[in-house]
Amino acid sequence: MRLFYAVFLPEEVKRALVEAQERVARYKGWREVAPHHLHVTLLFLGERSEEDLEDLLALGHRLGRLHPPFTA
């Protein structure tokens, strides 16, 4: 499975991105992203086995506690 660490976006940011997508939807090759899939990828981990998932989740939680929350 393809895994990554990401930050979810505040609702007002998602709304703005959805509006922006609507404006560029007519361009060839544009692929719309559903609002619930919008995020900022911090680190792409690539293909990983399911056995790696538990350790990677634990690592992500530990790293997340080391940094203050993002604010808008």
N, C-alpha and C. Protein backbone atom coordinates (compact mmCIF):
# COMPACT_ATOMS: atom_id res chain seq x y z
N MET A 1 0.83 -1.18 0.00
CA MET A 1 0.00 0.00 0.00
C MET A 1 0.88 1.24 0.00
N ARG A 2 0.38 2.30 -0.63
CA ARG A 2 1.12 3.58 -0.68
C ARG A 2 0.78 4.37 0.57
N LEU A 3 1.81 4.78 1.29
CA LEU A 3 1.61 5.49 2.55
C LEU A 3 2.30 6.84 2.54
N PHE A 4 1.77 7.74 3.36
CA PHE A 4 2.37 9.06 3.51
C PHE A 4 1.90 9.66 4.83
N TYR A 5 2.70 10.61 5.33
CA TYR A 5 2.28 11.42 6.47
C TYR A 5 1.71 12.71 5.91
N ALA A 6 0.59 13.15 6.46
CA ALA A 6 -0.08 14.34 5.92
C ALA A 6 -0.72 15.16 7.02
N VAL A 7 -1.02 16.40 6.68
CA VAL A 7 -1.76 17.31 7.55
C VAL A 7 -3.11 17.55 6.89
N PHE A 8 -4.16 17.37 7.65
CA PHE A 8 -5.49 17.67 7.14
C PHE A 8 -5.72 19.17 7.19
N LEU A 9 -6.51 19.66 6.27
CA LEU A 9 -6.73 21.10 6.13
C LEU A 9 -7.98 21.56 6.86
N PRO A 10 -7.96 22.80 7.36
CA PRO A 10 -9.17 23.36 7.96
C PRO A 10 -10.28 23.47 6.91
N GLU A 11 -11.51 23.43 7.37
CA GLU A 11 -12.66 23.46 6.45
C GLU A 11 -12.65 24.69 5.55
N GLU A 12 -12.26 25.86 6.08
CA GLU A 12 -12.29 27.06 5.24
C GLU A 12 -11.25 26.97 4.11
N VAL A 13 -10.14 26.31 4.36
CA VAL A 13 -9.13 26.12 3.32
C VAL A 13 -9.65 25.14 2.27
N LYS A 14 -10.28 24.07 2.73
CA LYS A 14 -10.86 23.11 1.79
C LYS A 14 -11.91 23.77 0.90
N ARG A 15 -12.75 24.62 1.49
CA ARG A 15 -13.78 25.31 0.70
C ARG A 15 -13.14 26.18 -0.38
N ALA A 16 -12.08 26.89 -0.02
CA ALA A 16 -11.39 27.74 -0.99
C ALA A 16 -10.77 26.90 -2.10
N LEU A 17 -10.21 25.77 -1.76
CA LEU A 17 -9.61 24.90 -2.78
C LEU A 17 -10.67 24.29 -3.69
N VAL A 18 -11.81 23.95 -3.14
CA VAL A 18 -12.91 23.42 -3.96
C VAL A 18 -13.36 24.48 -4.96
N GLU A 19 -13.48 25.72 -4.50
CA GLU A 19 -13.86 26.81 -5.41
C GLU A 19 -12.81 27.00 -6.50
N ALA A 20 -11.54 26.92 -6.13
CA ALA A 20 -10.47 27.05 -7.12
C ALA A 20 -10.53 25.91 -8.13
N GLN A 21 -10.81 24.71 -7.67
CA GLN A 21 -10.93 23.57 -8.58
C GLN A 21 -12.05 23.79 -9.59
N GLU A 22 -13.14 24.37 -9.14
CA GLU A 22 -14.26 24.62 -10.05
C GLU A 22 -13.85 25.58 -11.16
N ARG A 23 -12.98 26.53 -10.85
CA ARG A 23 -12.54 27.49 -11.87
C ARG A 23 -11.58 26.88 -12.88
N VAL A 24 -10.82 25.87 -12.49
CA VAL A 24 -9.84 25.28 -13.41
C VAL A 24 -10.31 23.95 -13.99
N ALA A 25 -11.52 23.53 -13.65
CA ALA A 25 -12.03 22.22 -14.07
C ALA A 25 -12.07 22.06 -15.59
N ARG A 26 -12.18 23.15 -16.31
CA ARG A 26 -12.29 23.05 -17.77
C ARG A 26 -10.96 22.75 -18.45
N TYR A 27 -9.85 22.88 -17.73
CA TYR A 27 -8.55 22.65 -18.34
C TYR A 27 -8.31 21.16 -18.58
N LYS A 28 -7.77 20.86 -19.73
CA LYS A 28 -7.49 19.48 -20.10
C LYS A 28 -6.50 18.87 -19.10
N GLY A 29 -6.79 17.68 -18.67
CA GLY A 29 -5.90 16.98 -17.76
C GLY A 29 -6.14 17.25 -16.29
N TRP A 30 -7.03 18.20 -15.99
CA TRP A 30 -7.30 18.49 -14.59
C TRP A 30 -8.09 17.35 -13.97
N ARG A 31 -7.67 16.90 -12.82
CA ARG A 31 -8.38 15.85 -12.10
C ARG A 31 -8.83 16.42 -10.77
N GLU A 32 -10.12 16.51 -10.60
CA GLU A 32 -10.68 17.07 -9.37
C GLU A 32 -10.41 16.14 -8.19
N VAL A 33 -10.15 16.74 -7.05
CA VAL A 33 -9.92 15.99 -5.81
C VAL A 33 -11.10 16.24 -4.89
N ALA A 34 -11.69 15.18 -4.39
CA ALA A 34 -12.83 15.31 -3.47
C ALA A 34 -12.38 16.04 -2.20
N PRO A 35 -13.23 16.89 -1.65
CA PRO A 35 -12.84 17.67 -0.47
C PRO A 35 -12.29 16.83 0.69
N HIS A 36 -12.84 15.64 0.90
CA HIS A 36 -12.36 14.83 2.02
C HIS A 36 -10.98 14.22 1.76
N HIS A 37 -10.46 14.36 0.53
CA HIS A 37 -9.12 13.87 0.21
C HIS A 37 -8.08 14.99 0.19
N LEU A 38 -8.49 16.23 0.37
CA LEU A 38 -7.55 17.34 0.33
C LEU A 38 -6.68 17.34 1.59
N HIS A 39 -5.38 17.45 1.39
CA HIS A 39 -4.42 17.44 2.49
C HIS A 39 -3.10 18.00 1.99
N VAL A 40 -2.17 18.19 2.91
CA VAL A 40 -0.80 18.55 2.55
C VAL A 40 0.08 17.37 2.94
N THR A 41 0.75 16.79 1.96
CA THR A 41 1.63 15.66 2.24
C THR A 41 2.94 16.18 2.83
N LEU A 42 3.29 15.66 3.99
CA LEU A 42 4.55 16.03 4.64
C LEU A 42 5.69 15.11 4.23
N LEU A 43 5.37 13.84 4.08
CA LEU A 43 6.40 12.86 3.70
C LEU A 43 5.73 11.69 3.01
N PHE A 44 6.15 11.42 1.78
CA PHE A 44 5.64 10.27 1.04
C PHE A 44 6.53 9.08 1.36
N LEU A 45 5.94 8.01 1.84
CA LEU A 45 6.69 6.82 2.24
C LEU A 45 6.75 5.76 1.15
N GLY A 46 5.94 5.91 0.13
CA GLY A 46 5.94 4.96 -0.97
C GLY A 46 5.21 3.68 -0.63
N GLU A 47 5.52 2.65 -1.38
CA GLU A 47 4.89 1.34 -1.16
C GLU A 47 5.45 0.70 0.11
N ARG A 48 4.56 0.33 0.99
CA ARG A 48 4.94 -0.33 2.25
C ARG A 48 4.04 -1.53 2.47
N SER A 49 4.55 -2.48 3.20
CA SER A 49 3.74 -3.66 3.51
C SER A 49 2.80 -3.34 4.67
N GLU A 50 1.76 -4.12 4.79
CA GLU A 50 0.81 -3.92 5.88
C GLU A 50 1.49 -4.14 7.23
N GLU A 51 2.53 -4.95 7.25
CA GLU A 51 3.26 -5.19 8.50
C GLU A 51 3.94 -3.92 9.01
N ASP A 52 4.28 -2.99 8.10
CA ASP A 52 4.93 -1.73 8.49
C ASP A 52 3.95 -0.73 9.12
N LEU A 53 2.67 -0.92 8.88
CA LEU A 53 1.68 0.10 9.23
C LEU A 53 1.68 0.45 10.71
N GLU A 54 1.67 -0.54 11.58
CA GLU A 54 1.61 -0.26 13.02
C GLU A 54 2.81 0.56 13.49
N ASP A 55 4.01 0.18 13.05
CA ASP A 55 5.21 0.92 13.44
C ASP A 55 5.20 2.34 12.89
N LEU A 56 4.75 2.51 11.65
CA LEU A 56 4.71 3.84 11.04
C LEU A 56 3.67 4.73 11.71
N LEU A 57 2.54 4.15 12.11
CA LEU A 57 1.54 4.92 12.85
C LEU A 57 2.11 5.38 14.19
N ALA A 58 2.77 4.49 14.90
CA ALA A 58 3.36 4.84 16.19
C ALA A 58 4.41 5.93 16.02
N LEU A 59 5.24 5.81 15.00
CA LEU A 59 6.26 6.82 14.73
C LEU A 59 5.61 8.17 14.42
N GLY A 60 4.58 8.17 13.61
CA GLY A 60 3.87 9.41 13.28
C GLY A 60 3.30 10.07 14.52
N HIS A 61 2.72 9.29 15.41
CA HIS A 61 2.17 9.84 16.66
C HIS A 61 3.28 10.43 17.53
N ARG A 62 4.41 9.73 17.63
CA ARG A 62 5.53 10.25 18.43
C ARG A 62 6.06 11.55 17.84
N LEU A 63 6.24 11.58 16.53
CA LEU A 63 6.75 12.80 15.88
C LEU A 63 5.76 13.95 16.02
N GLY A 64 4.48 13.65 15.92
CA GLY A 64 3.46 14.69 16.04
C GLY A 64 3.46 15.35 17.40
N ARG A 65 3.79 14.59 18.43
CA ARG A 65 3.83 15.16 19.78
C ARG A 65 5.05 16.05 20.00
N LEU A 66 6.06 15.94 19.14
CA LEU A 66 7.27 16.76 19.28
C LEU A 66 7.09 18.18 18.74
N HIS A 67 6.05 18.41 17.96
CA HIS A 67 5.87 19.70 17.30
C HIS A 67 4.54 20.32 17.71
N PRO A 68 4.52 21.63 17.86
CA PRO A 68 3.25 22.29 18.19
C PRO A 68 2.27 22.18 17.03
N PRO A 69 0.99 22.27 17.31
CA PRO A 69 -0.01 22.21 16.24
C PRO A 69 0.14 23.38 15.27
N PHE A 70 -0.24 23.14 14.02
CA PHE A 70 -0.29 24.22 13.03
C PHE A 70 -1.49 25.09 13.35
N THR A 71 -1.36 26.36 13.07
CA THR A 71 -2.51 27.25 13.22
C THR A 71 -2.71 28.01 11.92
N ALA A 72 -3.96 28.35 11.67
CA ALA A 72 -4.28 29.07 10.43
C ALA A 72 -4.20 30.56 10.65
